[in-house]
């Protein structure tokens, strides 16, 4: 039975594999993953390599609406494979951890942008804050200074 830390590592590995498929780091990630599975021999390494080759194809063929669902399914599939690998070869923990860190380091920085639209009509009120805290005192006596 794997520790919680190793199960988490397998999950991070599955996510990293799928995330790398759409980046310049794909070939090195694919090679690193295949090498992890090479403990099962050349045939196992080749089998894993073929499965890895399918990941970009699955993602390219998916519509934009299906992308997240397919990424999640693929990451889960590789989480299971990595969990089984670590169960059979716990000594591979450091290699898998290094591979995950390598993928994370080579991943493009995610930049988020947010848009907030607020519409108010008639006598309505809006209390809008994007950062920090807003304090509202609707006590009519407090507004009149009484």
Protein backbone atom coordinates (compact mmCIF):
# COMPACT_ATOMS: atom_id res chain seq x y z
CA UNK A 1 0.00 0.00 0.00
CA UNK A 2 1.37 3.39 -1.00
CA UNK A 3 1.63 6.31 1.37
CA UNK A 4 -0.53 9.36 0.86
CA UNK A 5 2.56 11.24 -0.34
CA UNK A 6 3.24 8.68 -3.07
CA UNK A 7 -0.41 8.69 -4.15
CA UNK A 8 -0.23 12.48 -4.40
CA UNK A 9 3.00 12.21 -6.38
CA UNK A 10 1.33 9.81 -8.83
CA UNK A 11 -1.56 12.26 -9.24
CA UNK A 12 0.84 15.15 -9.84
CA UNK A 13 2.70 12.98 -12.34
CA UNK A 14 -0.48 12.19 -14.25
CA UNK A 15 -1.36 15.86 -14.44
CA UNK A 16 2.17 16.82 -15.46
CA UNK A 17 2.24 14.28 -18.28
CA UNK A 18 -0.98 15.61 -19.79
CA UNK A 19 0.00 19.25 -19.23
CA UNK A 20 3.31 18.73 -21.01
CA UNK A 21 1.64 17.25 -24.10
CA UNK A 22 0.83 20.71 -25.43
CA UNK A 23 4.23 22.26 -24.73
CA UNK A 24 7.78 22.23 -26.01
CA UNK A 25 8.65 19.97 -23.06
CA UNK A 26 6.64 17.08 -24.50
CA UNK A 27 9.50 15.10 -26.05
CA UNK A 28 11.65 15.21 -22.93
CA UNK A 29 8.63 14.41 -20.73
CA UNK A 30 7.63 11.52 -22.95
CA UNK A 31 11.20 10.17 -22.86
CA UNK A 32 11.38 10.52 -19.08
CA UNK A 33 8.09 8.71 -18.53
CA UNK A 34 9.03 5.91 -20.92
CA UNK A 35 12.33 5.55 -19.10
CA UNK A 36 10.51 5.22 -15.76
CA UNK A 37 8.52 2.33 -17.20
CA UNK A 38 11.61 0.73 -18.78
CA UNK A 39 12.06 -1.34 -15.60
CA UNK A 40 9.56 -3.69 -17.21
CA UNK A 41 11.89 -4.18 -20.17
CA UNK A 42 12.16 -2.77 -23.67
CA UNK A 43 8.75 -4.09 -24.61
CA UNK A 44 7.05 -2.28 -21.72
CA UNK A 45 8.93 0.93 -22.52
CA UNK A 46 7.78 0.70 -26.15
CA UNK A 47 4.19 0.02 -25.10
CA UNK A 48 4.20 3.06 -22.82
CA UNK A 49 5.80 5.19 -25.52
CA UNK A 50 2.99 4.29 -27.93
CA UNK A 51 0.39 5.19 -25.28
CA UNK A 52 2.12 8.50 -24.64
CA UNK A 53 2.10 9.28 -28.37
CA UNK A 54 -1.68 9.10 -28.27
CA UNK A 55 -2.06 11.90 -25.72
CA UNK A 56 -1.40 14.85 -28.08
CA UNK A 57 -3.56 13.15 -30.71
CA UNK A 58 -6.50 12.83 -28.28
CA UNK A 59 -6.16 16.47 -27.32
CA UNK A 60 -5.87 17.70 -30.92
CA UNK A 61 -8.95 15.76 -31.99
CA UNK A 62 -11.11 17.06 -29.14
CA UNK A 63 -13.31 20.09 -29.50
CA UNK A 64 -12.59 22.99 -27.21
CA UNK A 65 -15.62 22.06 -25.10
CA UNK A 66 -14.25 18.52 -24.61
CA UNK A 67 -10.67 19.53 -23.80
CA UNK A 68 -10.99 19.76 -20.02
CA UNK A 69 -12.90 16.50 -19.74
CA UNK A 70 -10.33 14.67 -21.88
CA UNK A 71 -7.42 16.18 -19.96
CA UNK A 72 -8.97 15.04 -16.69
CA UNK A 73 -9.58 11.52 -17.99
CA UNK A 74 -6.05 11.23 -19.39
CA UNK A 75 -4.47 12.58 -16.19
CA UNK A 76 -6.48 10.07 -14.17
CA UNK A 77 -5.43 7.21 -16.45
CA UNK A 78 -1.75 8.13 -16.02
CA UNK A 79 -2.25 8.59 -12.27
CA UNK A 80 -3.37 4.96 -12.10
CA UNK A 81 -0.42 3.78 -14.22
CA UNK A 82 2.05 5.72 -12.08
CA UNK A 83 0.44 4.45 -8.88
CA UNK A 84 0.88 0.86 -10.08
CA UNK A 85 4.46 1.62 -11.11
CA UNK A 86 5.29 3.04 -7.68
CA UNK A 87 3.64 0.08 -5.95
CA UNK A 88 5.92 -2.29 -7.85
CA UNK A 89 8.99 -0.01 -7.80
CA UNK A 90 8.90 2.38 -4.83
CA UNK A 91 12.54 3.23 -5.49
CA UNK A 92 11.36 5.27 -8.52
CA UNK A 93 9.89 7.96 -6.27
CA UNK A 94 12.84 10.32 -6.66
CA UNK A 95 12.93 9.90 -10.45
CA UNK A 96 9.22 10.59 -10.77
CA UNK A 97 9.45 13.58 -8.44
CA UNK A 98 12.33 14.99 -10.52
CA UNK A 99 10.34 14.49 -13.73
CA UNK A 100 7.30 16.29 -12.27
CA UNK A 101 9.51 19.19 -11.16
CA UNK A 102 11.15 19.33 -14.59
CA UNK A 103 7.76 19.54 -16.29
CA UNK A 104 6.56 22.22 -13.88
CA UNK A 105 9.71 24.27 -14.40
CA UNK A 106 9.39 24.13 -18.18
CA UNK A 107 5.66 24.88 -18.26
CA UNK A 108 4.71 28.34 -19.44
CA UNK A 109 3.63 30.67 -16.69
CA UNK A 110 -0.14 30.84 -16.42
CA UNK A 111 -1.52 34.33 -16.55
CA UNK A 112 -5.03 34.89 -15.43
CA UNK A 113 -7.18 37.84 -16.27
CA UNK A 114 -10.56 38.58 -14.84
CA UNK A 115 -13.41 40.68 -16.10
CA UNK A 116 -16.10 41.94 -13.82
CA UNK A 117 -19.24 43.54 -15.19
CA UNK A 118 -21.63 45.22 -12.80
CA UNK A 119 -24.98 46.57 -13.90
CA UNK A 120 -27.31 48.49 -11.67
CA UNK A 121 -30.81 49.73 -12.41
CA UNK A 122 -33.37 51.98 -10.78
CA UNK A 123 -32.78 52.34 -7.04
CA UNK A 124 -30.53 49.33 -6.61
CA UNK A 125 -27.18 49.40 -4.83
CA UNK A 126 -23.95 47.62 -5.59
CA UNK A 127 -21.09 46.96 -3.26
CA UNK A 128 -18.16 45.92 -5.41
CA UNK A 129 -14.59 45.23 -4.38
CA UNK A 130 -11.92 43.40 -6.34
CA UNK A 131 -9.23 43.40 -3.72
CA UNK A 132 -9.39 44.02 0.00
CA UNK A 133 -12.40 44.45 2.24
CA UNK A 134 -15.56 46.47 1.96
CA UNK A 135 -17.52 47.41 5.08
CA UNK A 136 -21.11 48.53 4.73
CA UNK A 137 -23.14 50.13 7.47
CA UNK A 138 -26.78 50.44 6.49
CA UNK A 139 -27.84 51.81 9.86
CA UNK A 140 -29.73 55.04 9.02
CA UNK A 141 -28.79 56.59 12.40
CA UNK A 142 -25.09 56.04 11.64
CA UNK A 143 -25.40 57.89 8.34
CA UNK A 144 -26.98 60.96 9.94
CA UNK A 145 -24.35 61.12 12.64
CA UNK A 146 -26.91 60.55 15.45
